[in-house]
Amino acid sequence: MASVEERLQRLEDLEEIRRLKHGYSRIVDRFASGEEYAAQFTEDGIIDGDFGPFEGRAAIAEFFGGVQDTGISFFLHYMCGETIDIAPNGVEAKAHWYLWEPATINNEAVWIAITYDDEYRKENGKWMIRRQTFHNHFVTPIDKGWVKQQFVDMEM
């Protein structure tokens, strides 16, 4: 059985990863600079899945720096339902997150549903995003819903 100190460290690590993801969401919601987004990632961080791949902080900063050019003028990330697994080495972790998000794209109110499969690495005592993989399930007009129109037109 793990010691009390090891169990406490695991709980602190889980909370720090949650705070990292929620902090990332707040950065996205306020359309921060691309550099501020990228600072949440390891130097060799990667974004991929339905967006990307964008490899390294410079590419991540460039990607996020152009978010407002996609027609998105508002979004509010609700991250939930996370499952976080910390590796036995205590410096790597994987997580699955659900995102439910009201947004405005091209002056149209939409619902967005995304799942994230993330990898994290603890560097110099701080958890960072190593890889973020997006799975976009729908971006649908609120008045139509995902059954009638799964995706709106937008550039990413």
C-alpha atoms as a PDB file:
ATOM      1  CA  MET A   1       0.000   0.000   0.000  1.00  0.00           C
ATOM      2  CA  ALA A   2       1.199   3.488  -0.816  1.00  0.00           C
ATOM      3  CA  SER A   3       2.342   5.698   2.019  1.00  0.00           C
ATOM      4  CA  VAL A   4       0.272   8.629   3.224  1.00  0.00           C
ATOM      5  CA  GLU A   5       2.810  10.974   1.595  1.00  0.00           C
ATOM      6  CA  GLU A   6       2.519   9.158  -1.758  1.00  0.00           C
ATOM      7  CA  ARG A   7      -1.268   9.200  -1.597  1.00  0.00           C
ATOM      8  CA  LEU A   8      -1.273  12.903  -0.710  1.00  0.00           C
ATOM      9  CA  GLN A   9       1.103  13.658  -3.604  1.00  0.00           C
ATOM     10  CA  ARG A  10      -1.214  11.799  -5.992  1.00  0.00           C
ATOM     11  CA  LEU A  11      -4.202  13.872  -4.820  1.00  0.00           C
ATOM     12  CA  GLU A  12      -2.204  17.088  -5.191  1.00  0.00           C
ATOM     13  CA  ASP A  13      -1.125  16.026  -8.699  1.00  0.00           C
ATOM     14  CA  LEU A  14      -4.718  15.250  -9.710  1.00  0.00           C
ATOM     15  CA  GLU A  15      -5.848  18.661  -8.487  1.00  0.00           C
ATOM     16  CA  GLU A  16      -3.000  20.450 -10.263  1.00  0.00           C
ATOM     17  CA  ILE A  17      -3.913  18.722 -13.556  1.00  0.00           C
ATOM     18  CA  ARG A  18      -7.567  19.740 -13.107  1.00  0.00           C
ATOM     19  CA  ARG A  19      -6.518  23.321 -12.397  1.00  0.00           C
ATOM     20  CA  LEU A  20      -4.252  23.294 -15.470  1.00  0.00           C
ATOM     21  CA  LYS A  21      -7.124  22.196 -17.727  1.00  0.00           C
ATOM     22  CA  HIS A  22      -9.588  24.672 -16.250  1.00  0.00           C
ATOM     23  CA  GLY A  23      -6.983  27.441 -16.450  1.00  0.00           C
ATOM     24  CA  TYR A  24      -6.403  26.529 -20.094  1.00  0.00           C
ATOM     25  CA  SER A  25     -10.160  26.863 -20.672  1.00  0.00           C
ATOM     26  CA  ARG A  26     -10.236  30.334 -19.119  1.00  0.00           C
ATOM     27  CA  ILE A  27      -7.329  31.383 -21.343  1.00  0.00           C
ATOM     28  CA  VAL A  28      -9.220  30.166 -24.421  1.00  0.00           C
ATOM     29  CA  ASP A  29     -12.467  31.844 -23.340  1.00  0.00           C
ATOM     30  CA  ARG A  30     -10.855  35.267 -23.090  1.00  0.00           C
ATOM     31  CA  PHE A  31      -9.014  34.984 -26.430  1.00  0.00           C
ATOM     32  CA  ALA A  32      -5.600  35.365 -24.830  1.00  0.00           C
ATOM     33  CA  SER A  33      -2.463  35.689 -26.917  1.00  0.00           C
ATOM     34  CA  GLY A  34      -1.163  32.618 -28.689  1.00  0.00           C
ATOM     35  CA  GLU A  35       1.891  32.700 -26.451  1.00  0.00           C
ATOM     36  CA  GLU A  36      -0.269  32.485 -23.335  1.00  0.00           C
ATOM     37  CA  TYR A  37      -1.994  29.385 -24.713  1.00  0.00           C
ATOM     38  CA  ALA A  38       1.313  27.819 -25.680  1.00  0.00           C
ATOM     39  CA  ALA A  39       2.776  28.404 -22.209  1.00  0.00           C
ATOM     40  CA  GLN A  40       0.411  25.695 -20.901  1.00  0.00           C
ATOM     41  CA  PHE A  41       2.237  23.128 -23.069  1.00  0.00           C
ATOM     42  CA  THR A  42       5.629  21.496 -22.803  1.00  0.00           C
ATOM     43  CA  GLU A  43       8.232  22.854 -25.229  1.00  0.00           C
ATOM     44  CA  ASP A  44       7.631  19.776 -27.423  1.00  0.00           C
ATOM     45  CA  GLY A  45       3.845  19.885 -26.912  1.00  0.00           C
ATOM     46  CA  ILE A  46       1.455  18.740 -29.623  1.00  0.00           C
ATOM     47  CA  ILE A  47      -2.148  19.486 -30.544  1.00  0.00           C
ATOM     48  CA  ASP A  48      -3.763  17.015 -32.899  1.00  0.00           C
ATOM     49  CA  GLY A  49      -6.900  15.052 -33.649  1.00  0.00           C
ATOM     50  CA  ASP A  50      -9.533  16.964 -35.601  1.00  0.00           C
ATOM     51  CA  PHE A  51      -7.234  20.025 -35.522  1.00  0.00           C
ATOM     52  CA  GLY A  52      -3.570  19.931 -36.409  1.00  0.00           C
ATOM     53  CA  PRO A  53      -1.125  18.543 -35.905  1.00  0.00           C
ATOM     54  CA  PHE A  54       0.595  21.560 -34.382  1.00  0.00           C
ATOM     55  CA  GLU A  55       3.939  20.592 -32.901  1.00  0.00           C
ATOM     56  CA  GLY A  56       5.950  22.740 -30.479  1.00  0.00           C
ATOM     57  CA  ARG A  57       5.059  25.914 -28.637  1.00  0.00           C
ATOM     58  CA  ALA A  58       5.638  28.177 -31.663  1.00  0.00           C
ATOM     59  CA  ALA A  59       3.145  26.237 -33.808  1.00  0.00           C
ATOM     60  CA  ILE A  60       0.651  26.070 -30.928  1.00  0.00           C
ATOM     61  CA  ALA A  61       0.959  29.836 -30.366  1.00  0.00           C
ATOM     62  CA  GLU A  62       0.372  30.482 -34.068  1.00  0.00           C
ATOM     63  CA  PHE A  63      -2.697  28.200 -34.133  1.00  0.00           C
ATOM     64  CA  PHE A  64      -4.314  29.783 -31.083  1.00  0.00           C
ATOM     65  CA  GLY A  65      -3.305  33.277 -32.182  1.00  0.00           C
ATOM     66  CA  GLY A  66      -5.609  32.837 -35.187  1.00  0.00           C
ATOM     67  CA  VAL A  67      -8.701  31.572 -33.354  1.00  0.00           C
ATOM     68  CA  GLN A  68     -10.604  34.836 -33.754  1.00  0.00           C
ATOM     69  CA  ASP A  69     -10.026  34.665 -37.519  1.00  0.00           C
ATOM     70  CA  THR A  70     -12.223  31.544 -37.669  1.00  0.00           C
ATOM     71  CA  GLY A  71     -15.449  33.466 -37.075  1.00  0.00           C
ATOM     72  CA  ILE A  72     -15.622  32.545 -33.392  1.00  0.00           C
ATOM     73  CA  SER A  73     -16.510  35.622 -31.336  1.00  0.00           C
ATOM     74  CA  PHE A  74     -17.554  33.933 -28.080  1.00  0.00           C
ATOM     75  CA  PHE A  75     -17.190  30.636 -26.312  1.00  0.00           C
ATOM     76  CA  LEU A  76     -17.425  29.367 -22.772  1.00  0.00           C
ATOM     77  CA  HIS A  77     -15.734  26.057 -22.012  1.00  0.00           C
ATOM     78  CA  TYR A  78     -17.439  23.719 -19.535  1.00  0.00           C
ATOM     79  CA  MET A  79     -14.908  20.941 -18.927  1.00  0.00           C
ATOM     80  CA  CYS A  80     -16.395  17.957 -17.121  1.00  0.00           C
ATOM     81  CA  GLY A  81     -16.400  14.225 -16.607  1.00  0.00           C
ATOM     82  CA  GLU A  82     -12.637  13.932 -16.489  1.00  0.00           C
ATOM     83  CA  THR A  83     -10.782  10.709 -15.910  1.00  0.00           C
ATOM     84  CA  ILE A  84      -7.139  11.296 -14.948  1.00  0.00           C
ATOM     85  CA  ASP A  85      -4.583   8.520 -14.622  1.00  0.00           C
ATOM     86  CA  ILE A  86      -1.141   9.315 -13.248  1.00  0.00           C
ATOM     87  CA  ALA A  87       1.629   6.933 -14.310  1.00  0.00           C
ATOM     88  CA  PRO A  88       3.533   5.039 -11.608  1.00  0.00           C
ATOM     89  CA  ASN A  89       6.577   7.262 -12.317  1.00  0.00           C
ATOM     90  CA  GLY A  90       4.592  10.260 -11.003  1.00  0.00           C
ATOM     91  CA  VAL A  91       5.687  12.552 -13.851  1.00  0.00           C
ATOM     92  CA  GLU A  92       3.380  11.454 -16.670  1.00  0.00           C
ATOM     93  CA  ALA A  93      -0.397  11.330 -16.804  1.00  0.00           C
ATOM     94  CA  LYS A  94      -3.244  10.790 -19.248  1.00  0.00           C
ATOM     95  CA  ALA A  95      -6.735  12.217 -19.064  1.00  0.00           C
ATOM     96  CA  HIS A  96     -10.022  12.138 -20.934  1.00  0.00           C
ATOM     97  CA  TRP A  97     -12.263  15.218 -20.753  1.00  0.00           C
ATOM     98  CA  TYR A  98     -15.705  16.165 -22.048  1.00  0.00           C
ATOM     99  CA  LEU A  99     -16.367  19.698 -23.253  1.00  0.00           C
ATOM    100  CA  TRP A 100     -19.844  21.195 -23.524  1.00  0.00           C
ATOM    101  CA  GLU A 101     -19.659  24.695 -24.918  1.00  0.00           C
ATOM    102  CA  PRO A 102     -22.029  27.461 -25.933  1.00  0.00           C
ATOM    103  CA  ALA A 103     -20.381  29.595 -28.598  1.00  0.00           C
ATOM    104  CA  THR A 104     -20.978  32.189 -31.299  1.00  0.00           C
ATOM    105  CA  ILE A 105     -19.585  31.476 -34.764  1.00  0.00           C
ATOM    106  CA  ASN A 106     -20.230  33.858 -37.638  1.00  0.00           C
ATOM    107  CA  ASN A 107     -22.915  35.591 -35.527  1.00  0.00           C
ATOM    108  CA  GLU A 108     -24.750  32.306 -34.993  1.00  0.00           C
ATOM    109  CA  ALA A 109     -25.351  30.734 -31.565  1.00  0.00           C
ATOM    110  CA  VAL A 110     -24.059  27.170 -31.500  1.00  0.00           C
ATOM    111  CA  TRP A 111     -23.480  24.223 -29.192  1.00  0.00           C
ATOM    112  CA  ILE A 112     -20.105  22.511 -29.363  1.00  0.00           C
ATOM    113  CA  ALA A 113     -19.279  19.036 -28.040  1.00  0.00           C
ATOM    114  CA  ILE A 114     -15.648  17.924 -27.959  1.00  0.00           C
ATOM    115  CA  THR A 115     -13.758  15.223 -26.137  1.00  0.00           C
ATOM    116  CA  TYR A 116     -10.081  15.599 -25.313  1.00  0.00           C
ATOM    117  CA  ASP A 117      -7.539  12.853 -24.831  1.00  0.00           C
ATOM    118  CA  ASP A 118      -4.646  14.596 -23.119  1.00  0.00           C
ATOM    119  CA  GLU A 119      -1.179  13.609 -22.032  1.00  0.00           C
ATOM    120  CA  TYR A 120       0.650  15.540 -19.324  1.00  0.00           C
ATOM    121  CA  ARG A 121       4.219  15.712 -18.097  1.00  0.00           C
ATOM    122  CA  LYS A 122       5.513  17.149 -14.854  1.00  0.00           C
ATOM    123  CA  GLU A 123       8.513  19.392 -15.536  1.00  0.00           C
ATOM    124  CA  ASN A 124      10.401  21.144 -12.746  1.00  0.00           C
ATOM    125  CA  GLY A 125       7.603  20.244 -10.335  1.00  0.00           C
ATOM    126  CA  LYS A 126       4.844  21.678 -12.571  1.00  0.00           C
ATOM    127  CA  TRP A 127       2.305  19.779 -14.674  1.00  0.00           C
ATOM    128  CA  MET A 128       2.176  20.799 -18.351  1.00  0.00           C
ATOM    129  CA  ILE A 129       0.139  19.598 -21.337  1.00  0.00           C
ATOM    130  CA  ARG A 130       2.320  17.300 -23.469  1.00  0.00           C
ATOM    131  CA  ARG A 131      -0.276  16.324 -26.076  1.00  0.00           C
ATOM    132  CA  GLN A 132      -3.872  17.419 -26.575  1.00  0.00           C
ATOM    133  CA  THR A 133      -5.993  15.394 -28.971  1.00  0.00           C
ATOM    134  CA  PHE A 134      -9.378  16.893 -29.961  1.00  0.00           C
ATOM    135  CA  HIS A 135     -12.352  14.850 -31.107  1.00  0.00           C
ATOM    136  CA  ASN A 136     -15.024  17.239 -32.398  1.00  0.00           C
ATOM    137  CA  HIS A 137     -18.461  15.599 -32.137  1.00  0.00           C
ATOM    138  CA  PHE A 138     -20.574  18.529 -33.277  1.00  0.00           C
ATOM    139  CA  VAL A 139     -20.754  22.281 -33.759  1.00  0.00           C
ATOM    140  CA  THR A 140     -24.458  22.794 -34.264  1.00  0.00           C
ATOM    141  CA  PRO A 141     -26.821  25.779 -34.397  1.00  0.00           C
ATOM    142  CA  ILE A 142     -28.736  26.040 -31.138  1.00  0.00           C
ATOM    143  CA  ASP A 143     -32.053  26.388 -32.964  1.00  0.00           C
ATOM    144  CA  LYS A 144     -31.453  23.259 -35.112  1.00  0.00           C
ATOM    145  CA  GLY A 145     -29.526  20.895 -32.880  1.00  0.00           C
ATOM    146  CA  TRP A 146     -27.076  18.174 -33.828  1.00  0.00           C
ATOM    147  CA  VAL A 147     -29.744  15.902 -35.324  1.00  0.00           C
ATOM    148  CA  LYS A 148     -30.707  18.401 -38.040  1.00  0.00           C
ATOM    149  CA  GLN A 149     -27.262  19.965 -38.591  1.00  0.00           C
ATOM    150  CA  GLN A 150     -24.209  18.363 -36.993  1.00  0.00           C
ATOM    151  CA  PHE A 151     -21.669  21.015 -38.115  1.00  0.00           C
ATOM    152  CA  VAL A 152     -21.802  24.700 -39.066  1.00  0.00           C
ATOM    153  CA  ASP A 153     -19.512  26.141 -41.723  1.00  0.00           C
ATOM    154  CA  MET A 154     -16.271  27.476 -40.254  1.00  0.00           C
ATOM    155  CA  GLU A 155     -12.582  27.369 -40.972  1.00  0.00           C
ATOM    156  CA  MET A 156     -10.089  25.745 -38.620  1.00  0.00           C
END
